[in-house]
Amino acid sequence: MDLLFERARRKAAPVEEFQWLGLMLFVAVPFPGTGAWTGAIIASVLGMPFWSGLSANFVGVVLAGLLVNLLMNLGLKYAIGTGVLLFIVSTVMWGALRGVKKSLNTE
């Protein structure tokens, strides 16, 4: 089990970097294996407090539901465009968050 948990800790580096926000974004991505159950396991492996992990999972599940609902109502053509746009926005936001974190750590 120690080997399994160590591997999980290494794989959870992006989530561990921002804890609550990282876990919430991980759960909010509507792909197989990124739901609330996996989010709960990650929160446990990272040693997050119960209410912090629960709230991150809750917000992530709500955002995933809204995103899937939005994509289903838009249709395939607009869903692909929206998916590309969301990927670009999330990449820019992740870069900005890392920049803010680095600037706060240097002060």
C-alpha atoms as a PDB file:
ATOM      1  CA  MET A   1       0.000   0.000   0.000  1.00  0.00           C
ATOM      2  CA  ASP A   2       2.879   2.366   0.706  1.00  0.00           C
ATOM      3  CA  LEU A   3       4.050   2.007  -2.896  1.00  0.00           C
ATOM      4  CA  LEU A   4       0.535   2.789  -4.147  1.00  0.00           C
ATOM      5  CA  PHE A   5       0.207   5.881  -1.938  1.00  0.00           C
ATOM      6  CA  GLU A   6       3.669   7.124  -2.924  1.00  0.00           C
ATOM      7  CA  ARG A   7       2.779   6.790  -6.600  1.00  0.00           C
ATOM      8  CA  ALA A   8      -0.512   8.611  -5.990  1.00  0.00           C
ATOM      9  CA  ARG A   9       1.342  11.455  -4.232  1.00  0.00           C
ATOM     10  CA  ARG A  10       3.692  11.837  -7.205  1.00  0.00           C
ATOM     11  CA  LYS A  11       0.793  11.888  -9.664  1.00  0.00           C
ATOM     12  CA  ALA A  12      -1.115  14.433  -7.548  1.00  0.00           C
ATOM     13  CA  ALA A  13       1.565  17.129  -7.811  1.00  0.00           C
ATOM     14  CA  PRO A  14      -0.608  19.607  -9.805  1.00  0.00           C
ATOM     15  CA  VAL A  15      -3.465  19.155  -7.339  1.00  0.00           C
ATOM     16  CA  GLU A  16      -1.138  19.358  -4.343  1.00  0.00           C
ATOM     17  CA  GLU A  17       0.302  22.656  -5.561  1.00  0.00           C
ATOM     18  CA  PHE A  18      -2.963  24.537  -5.052  1.00  0.00           C
ATOM     19  CA  GLN A  19      -4.771  22.100  -2.678  1.00  0.00           C
ATOM     20  CA  TRP A  20      -8.428  23.280  -2.632  1.00  0.00           C
ATOM     21  CA  LEU A  21      -8.438  24.979  -6.046  1.00  0.00           C
ATOM     22  CA  GLY A  22      -6.459  22.188  -7.668  1.00  0.00           C
ATOM     23  CA  LEU A  23      -8.781  19.504  -6.286  1.00  0.00           C
ATOM     24  CA  MET A  24     -11.868  21.475  -7.300  1.00  0.00           C
ATOM     25  CA  LEU A  25     -10.574  21.926 -10.870  1.00  0.00           C
ATOM     26  CA  PHE A  26      -9.583  18.253 -11.068  1.00  0.00           C
ATOM     27  CA  VAL A  27     -13.076  17.150 -10.064  1.00  0.00           C
ATOM     28  CA  ALA A  28     -14.715  19.740 -12.348  1.00  0.00           C
ATOM     29  CA  VAL A  29     -13.125  18.280 -15.487  1.00  0.00           C
ATOM     30  CA  PRO A  30     -15.775  15.982 -16.967  1.00  0.00           C
ATOM     31  CA  PHE A  31     -13.497  13.102 -17.986  1.00  0.00           C
ATOM     32  CA  PRO A  32     -13.603   9.495 -16.799  1.00  0.00           C
ATOM     33  CA  GLY A  33     -11.698   9.075 -13.547  1.00  0.00           C
ATOM     34  CA  THR A  34     -11.855  12.715 -12.477  1.00  0.00           C
ATOM     35  CA  GLY A  35     -15.013  12.658 -10.379  1.00  0.00           C
ATOM     36  CA  ALA A  36     -15.909  12.965  -6.733  1.00  0.00           C
ATOM     37  CA  TRP A  37     -14.709   9.479  -5.744  1.00  0.00           C
ATOM     38  CA  THR A  38     -11.244  10.117  -7.158  1.00  0.00           C
ATOM     39  CA  GLY A  39     -11.287  13.591  -5.633  1.00  0.00           C
ATOM     40  CA  ALA A  40     -12.066  12.109  -2.217  1.00  0.00           C
ATOM     41  CA  ILE A  41      -9.180   9.668  -2.549  1.00  0.00           C
ATOM     42  CA  ILE A  42      -6.820  12.472  -3.585  1.00  0.00           C
ATOM     43  CA  ALA A  43      -7.947  14.626  -0.654  1.00  0.00           C
ATOM     44  CA  SER A  44      -7.260  11.723   1.689  1.00  0.00           C
ATOM     45  CA  VAL A  45      -3.837  10.980   0.195  1.00  0.00           C
ATOM     46  CA  LEU A  46      -2.852  14.659   0.394  1.00  0.00           C
ATOM     47  CA  GLY A  47      -4.056  14.903   3.992  1.00  0.00           C
ATOM     48  CA  MET A  48      -6.519  17.714   3.309  1.00  0.00           C
ATOM     49  CA  PRO A  49      -8.917  18.635   6.120  1.00  0.00           C
ATOM     50  CA  PHE A  50     -12.340  16.964   5.818  1.00  0.00           C
ATOM     51  CA  TRP A  51     -14.402  20.104   5.166  1.00  0.00           C
ATOM     52  CA  SER A  52     -11.867  21.489   2.720  1.00  0.00           C
ATOM     53  CA  GLY A  53     -11.885  18.277   0.686  1.00  0.00           C
ATOM     54  CA  LEU A  54     -15.658  17.981   0.865  1.00  0.00           C
ATOM     55  CA  SER A  55     -16.255  21.558  -0.281  1.00  0.00           C
ATOM     56  CA  ALA A  56     -13.729  21.238  -3.139  1.00  0.00           C
ATOM     57  CA  ASN A  57     -15.435  18.030  -4.275  1.00  0.00           C
ATOM     58  CA  PHE A  58     -18.891  19.609  -4.007  1.00  0.00           C
ATOM     59  CA  VAL A  59     -18.000  22.709  -6.014  1.00  0.00           C
ATOM     60  CA  GLY A  60     -16.163  20.587  -8.587  1.00  0.00           C
ATOM     61  CA  VAL A  61     -19.134  18.256  -9.075  1.00  0.00           C
ATOM     62  CA  VAL A  62     -21.515  21.206  -9.448  1.00  0.00           C
ATOM     63  CA  LEU A  63     -19.215  22.843 -12.028  1.00  0.00           C
ATOM     64  CA  ALA A  64     -18.839  19.559 -13.924  1.00  0.00           C
ATOM     65  CA  GLY A  65     -22.618  19.166 -14.017  1.00  0.00           C
ATOM     66  CA  LEU A  66     -23.083  22.703 -15.277  1.00  0.00           C
ATOM     67  CA  LEU A  67     -20.382  22.229 -17.889  1.00  0.00           C
ATOM     68  CA  VAL A  68     -21.857  18.974 -19.206  1.00  0.00           C
ATOM     69  CA  ASN A  69     -25.334  20.511 -19.238  1.00  0.00           C
ATOM     70  CA  LEU A  70     -24.043  23.530 -21.149  1.00  0.00           C
ATOM     71  CA  LEU A  71     -22.213  21.383 -23.675  1.00  0.00           C
ATOM     72  CA  MET A  72     -25.215  19.119 -24.246  1.00  0.00           C
ATOM     73  CA  ASN A  73     -27.520  22.071 -24.812  1.00  0.00           C
ATOM     74  CA  LEU A  74     -25.133  23.780 -27.236  1.00  0.00           C
ATOM     75  CA  GLY A  75     -24.838  20.885 -29.680  1.00  0.00           C
ATOM     76  CA  LEU A  76     -21.733  19.212 -31.085  1.00  0.00           C
ATOM     77  CA  LYS A  77     -20.457  22.094 -33.228  1.00  0.00           C
ATOM     78  CA  TYR A  78     -20.533  24.654 -30.435  1.00  0.00           C
ATOM     79  CA  ALA A  79     -19.484  22.112 -27.807  1.00  0.00           C
ATOM     80  CA  ILE A  80     -16.179  21.503 -29.601  1.00  0.00           C
ATOM     81  CA  GLY A  81     -15.544  25.235 -29.867  1.00  0.00           C
ATOM     82  CA  THR A  82     -16.461  25.742 -26.222  1.00  0.00           C
ATOM     83  CA  GLY A  83     -14.188  22.871 -25.192  1.00  0.00           C
ATOM     84  CA  VAL A  84     -11.250  24.424 -27.037  1.00  0.00           C
ATOM     85  CA  LEU A  85     -12.013  27.818 -25.496  1.00  0.00           C
ATOM     86  CA  LEU A  86     -12.252  26.324 -21.999  1.00  0.00           C
ATOM     87  CA  PHE A  87      -8.926  24.528 -22.516  1.00  0.00           C
ATOM     88  CA  ILE A  88      -7.244  27.796 -23.511  1.00  0.00           C
ATOM     89  CA  VAL A  89      -8.814  29.696 -20.611  1.00  0.00           C
ATOM     90  CA  SER A  90      -7.846  27.012 -18.095  1.00  0.00           C
ATOM     91  CA  THR A  91      -4.260  26.959 -19.400  1.00  0.00           C
ATOM     92  CA  VAL A  92      -3.993  30.739 -19.032  1.00  0.00           C
ATOM     93  CA  MET A  93      -5.567  30.634 -15.552  1.00  0.00           C
ATOM     94  CA  TRP A  94      -3.223  27.854 -14.398  1.00  0.00           C
ATOM     95  CA  GLY A  95      -0.227  29.867 -15.618  1.00  0.00           C
ATOM     96  CA  ALA A  96      -1.509  32.983 -13.881  1.00  0.00           C
ATOM     97  CA  LEU A  97      -2.061  31.090 -10.615  1.00  0.00           C
ATOM     98  CA  ARG A  98       1.475  29.722 -10.738  1.00  0.00           C
ATOM     99  CA  GLY A  99       2.802  33.236 -11.370  1.00  0.00           C
ATOM    100  CA  VAL A 100       0.858  34.626  -8.404  1.00  0.00           C
ATOM    101  CA  LYS A 101       2.067  31.797  -6.191  1.00  0.00           C
ATOM    102  CA  LYS A 102       5.692  32.361  -7.209  1.00  0.00           C
ATOM    103  CA  SER A 103       5.412  36.103  -6.585  1.00  0.00           C
ATOM    104  CA  LEU A 104       3.903  35.499  -3.132  1.00  0.00           C
ATOM    105  CA  ASN A 105       6.652  33.022  -2.252  1.00  0.00           C
ATOM    106  CA  THR A 106       9.433  35.416  -3.254  1.00  0.00           C
ATOM    107  CA  GLU A 107       8.162  38.246  -1.059  1.00  0.00           C
END
